[in-house]
Amino acid sequence: MPRPLIGETAMTGAERQARHRTTHANSAPVIRVRHWNDTIVALTDLQTGYAAWLDALPDNQRDNATAEALQAIVGLDLSELQAIEPLRGFGRE
């Protein structure tokens, strides 16, 4: 289904772009920053879930690529990331 026309004829790409620029010229940019601590908590939760998955693997699947990837994730030390306090301006305003 084609878009409804605003004028008598369809706008060109340049006209649409110009209309978009004038509509959004004075609006402040929207910056979506996920808070650092929420991200670290999410990473820790994921690592815990992967550790449970690794523990639940049967013995005959502990030597495959999935088990190796899970072991690599579980072996990551997130303590250095947890200790970081980001500078102001990174979701801490």
C-alpha atoms as a PDB file:
ATOM      1  CA  MET A   1       0.000   0.000   0.000  1.00  0.00           C
ATOM      2  CA  PRO A   2       1.589   3.315  -1.048  1.00  0.00           C
ATOM      3  CA  ARG A   3       2.055   6.156   1.389  1.00  0.00           C
ATOM      4  CA  PRO A   4      -0.521   8.924   1.250  1.00  0.00           C
ATOM      5  CA  LEU A   5       0.616  12.036  -0.608  1.00  0.00           C
ATOM      6  CA  ILE A   6       1.184  15.236   1.326  1.00  0.00           C
ATOM      7  CA  GLY A   7       0.919  17.428  -1.745  1.00  0.00           C
ATOM      8  CA  GLU A   8      -0.371  16.942  -5.264  1.00  0.00           C
ATOM      9  CA  THR A   9       2.713  14.995  -6.343  1.00  0.00           C
ATOM     10  CA  ALA A  10       5.098  12.705  -4.554  1.00  0.00           C
ATOM     11  CA  MET A  11       8.075  14.358  -2.891  1.00  0.00           C
ATOM     12  CA  THR A  12      11.565  13.673  -4.145  1.00  0.00           C
ATOM     13  CA  GLY A  13      14.194  12.238  -1.858  1.00  0.00           C
ATOM     14  CA  ALA A  14      15.824  15.663  -1.488  1.00  0.00           C
ATOM     15  CA  GLU A  15      12.492  17.252  -0.547  1.00  0.00           C
ATOM     16  CA  ARG A  16      11.848  14.556   2.070  1.00  0.00           C
ATOM     17  CA  GLN A  17      15.336  15.035   3.483  1.00  0.00           C
ATOM     18  CA  ALA A  18      14.890  18.825   3.654  1.00  0.00           C
ATOM     19  CA  ARG A  19      11.529  18.428   5.415  1.00  0.00           C
ATOM     20  CA  HIS A  20      13.100  16.014   7.915  1.00  0.00           C
ATOM     21  CA  ARG A  21      15.963  18.422   8.633  1.00  0.00           C
ATOM     22  CA  THR A  22      13.648  21.383   9.233  1.00  0.00           C
ATOM     23  CA  THR A  23      11.363  19.290  11.448  1.00  0.00           C
ATOM     24  CA  HIS A  24      14.229  18.009  13.598  1.00  0.00           C
ATOM     25  CA  ALA A  25      16.535  21.054  13.418  1.00  0.00           C
ATOM     26  CA  ASN A  26      15.814  22.385  16.916  1.00  0.00           C
ATOM     27  CA  SER A  27      15.233  19.139  18.743  1.00  0.00           C
ATOM     28  CA  ALA A  28      17.932  17.976  21.111  1.00  0.00           C
ATOM     29  CA  PRO A  29      19.549  14.667  20.244  1.00  0.00           C
ATOM     30  CA  VAL A  30      18.328  11.719  22.265  1.00  0.00           C
ATOM     31  CA  ILE A  31      21.208   9.857  23.845  1.00  0.00           C
ATOM     32  CA  ARG A  32      20.404   6.491  25.319  1.00  0.00           C
ATOM     33  CA  VAL A  33      23.167   5.324  27.618  1.00  0.00           C
ATOM     34  CA  ARG A  34      22.778   2.167  29.600  1.00  0.00           C
ATOM     35  CA  HIS A  35      24.030   2.615  33.105  1.00  0.00           C
ATOM     36  CA  TRP A  36      27.373   0.987  33.775  1.00  0.00           C
ATOM     37  CA  ASN A  37      26.305  -0.853  36.898  1.00  0.00           C
ATOM     38  CA  ASP A  38      23.255  -2.324  35.150  1.00  0.00           C
ATOM     39  CA  THR A  39      25.520  -3.600  32.396  1.00  0.00           C
ATOM     40  CA  ILE A  40      27.941  -5.206  34.840  1.00  0.00           C
ATOM     41  CA  VAL A  41      25.048  -6.861  36.686  1.00  0.00           C
ATOM     42  CA  ALA A  42      23.729  -8.192  33.373  1.00  0.00           C
ATOM     43  CA  LEU A  43      27.170  -9.572  32.464  1.00  0.00           C
ATOM     44  CA  THR A  44      27.496 -11.238  35.860  1.00  0.00           C
ATOM     45  CA  ASP A  45      24.029 -12.765  35.519  1.00  0.00           C
ATOM     46  CA  LEU A  46      24.889 -14.077  32.071  1.00  0.00           C
ATOM     47  CA  GLN A  47      28.141 -15.552  33.336  1.00  0.00           C
ATOM     48  CA  THR A  48      26.267 -17.278  36.170  1.00  0.00           C
ATOM     49  CA  GLY A  49      23.759 -18.682  33.682  1.00  0.00           C
ATOM     50  CA  TYR A  50      26.529 -19.957  31.435  1.00  0.00           C
ATOM     51  CA  ALA A  51      28.217 -21.586  34.431  1.00  0.00           C
ATOM     52  CA  ALA A  52      24.981 -23.404  35.238  1.00  0.00           C
ATOM     53  CA  TRP A  53      24.689 -24.473  31.600  1.00  0.00           C
ATOM     54  CA  LEU A  54      28.273 -25.776  31.656  1.00  0.00           C
ATOM     55  CA  ASP A  55      27.612 -27.713  34.860  1.00  0.00           C
ATOM     56  CA  ALA A  56      24.483 -29.259  33.334  1.00  0.00           C
ATOM     57  CA  LEU A  57      26.293 -30.572  30.249  1.00  0.00           C
ATOM     58  CA  PRO A  58      26.531 -34.355  30.103  1.00  0.00           C
ATOM     59  CA  ASP A  59      30.009 -35.863  30.321  1.00  0.00           C
ATOM     60  CA  ASN A  60      30.004 -36.879  26.659  1.00  0.00           C
ATOM     61  CA  GLN A  61      29.556 -33.216  25.582  1.00  0.00           C
ATOM     62  CA  ARG A  62      32.274 -31.653  27.711  1.00  0.00           C
ATOM     63  CA  ASP A  63      34.869 -31.821  24.928  1.00  0.00           C
ATOM     64  CA  ASN A  64      32.928 -30.068  22.157  1.00  0.00           C
ATOM     65  CA  ALA A  65      33.087 -26.462  20.954  1.00  0.00           C
ATOM     66  CA  THR A  66      30.080 -25.386  23.020  1.00  0.00           C
ATOM     67  CA  ALA A  67      31.697 -26.579  26.235  1.00  0.00           C
ATOM     68  CA  GLU A  68      34.949 -24.821  25.334  1.00  0.00           C
ATOM     69  CA  ALA A  69      33.096 -21.560  24.663  1.00  0.00           C
ATOM     70  CA  LEU A  70      31.158 -21.852  27.922  1.00  0.00           C
ATOM     71  CA  GLN A  71      34.378 -22.539  29.820  1.00  0.00           C
ATOM     72  CA  ALA A  72      35.988 -19.452  28.262  1.00  0.00           C
ATOM     73  CA  ILE A  73      33.041 -17.285  29.337  1.00  0.00           C
ATOM     74  CA  VAL A  74      32.929 -18.743  32.844  1.00  0.00           C
ATOM     75  CA  GLY A  75      36.687 -18.236  33.167  1.00  0.00           C
ATOM     76  CA  LEU A  76      36.473 -14.475  32.530  1.00  0.00           C
ATOM     77  CA  ASP A  77      37.357 -12.362  35.557  1.00  0.00           C
ATOM     78  CA  LEU A  78      34.752  -9.609  35.814  1.00  0.00           C
ATOM     79  CA  SER A  79      36.105  -8.192  39.070  1.00  0.00           C
ATOM     80  CA  GLU A  80      38.134  -5.500  37.285  1.00  0.00           C
ATOM     81  CA  LEU A  81      35.033  -4.356  35.409  1.00  0.00           C
ATOM     82  CA  GLN A  82      33.024  -4.330  38.622  1.00  0.00           C
ATOM     83  CA  ALA A  83      35.634  -2.079  40.259  1.00  0.00           C
ATOM     84  CA  ILE A  84      35.482   0.587  37.520  1.00  0.00           C
ATOM     85  CA  GLU A  85      33.583   3.774  38.299  1.00  0.00           C
ATOM     86  CA  PRO A  86      32.894   5.541  34.988  1.00  0.00           C
ATOM     87  CA  LEU A  87      33.518   9.256  34.607  1.00  0.00           C
ATOM     88  CA  ARG A  88      30.636  11.684  34.740  1.00  0.00           C
ATOM     89  CA  GLY A  89      28.934  11.862  31.388  1.00  0.00           C
ATOM     90  CA  PHE A  90      28.685   8.113  30.921  1.00  0.00           C
ATOM     91  CA  GLY A  91      25.153   7.636  32.268  1.00  0.00           C
ATOM     92  CA  ARG A  92      25.950   9.213  35.657  1.00  0.00           C
ATOM     93  CA  GLU A  93      24.503  12.702  35.146  1.00  0.00           C
END
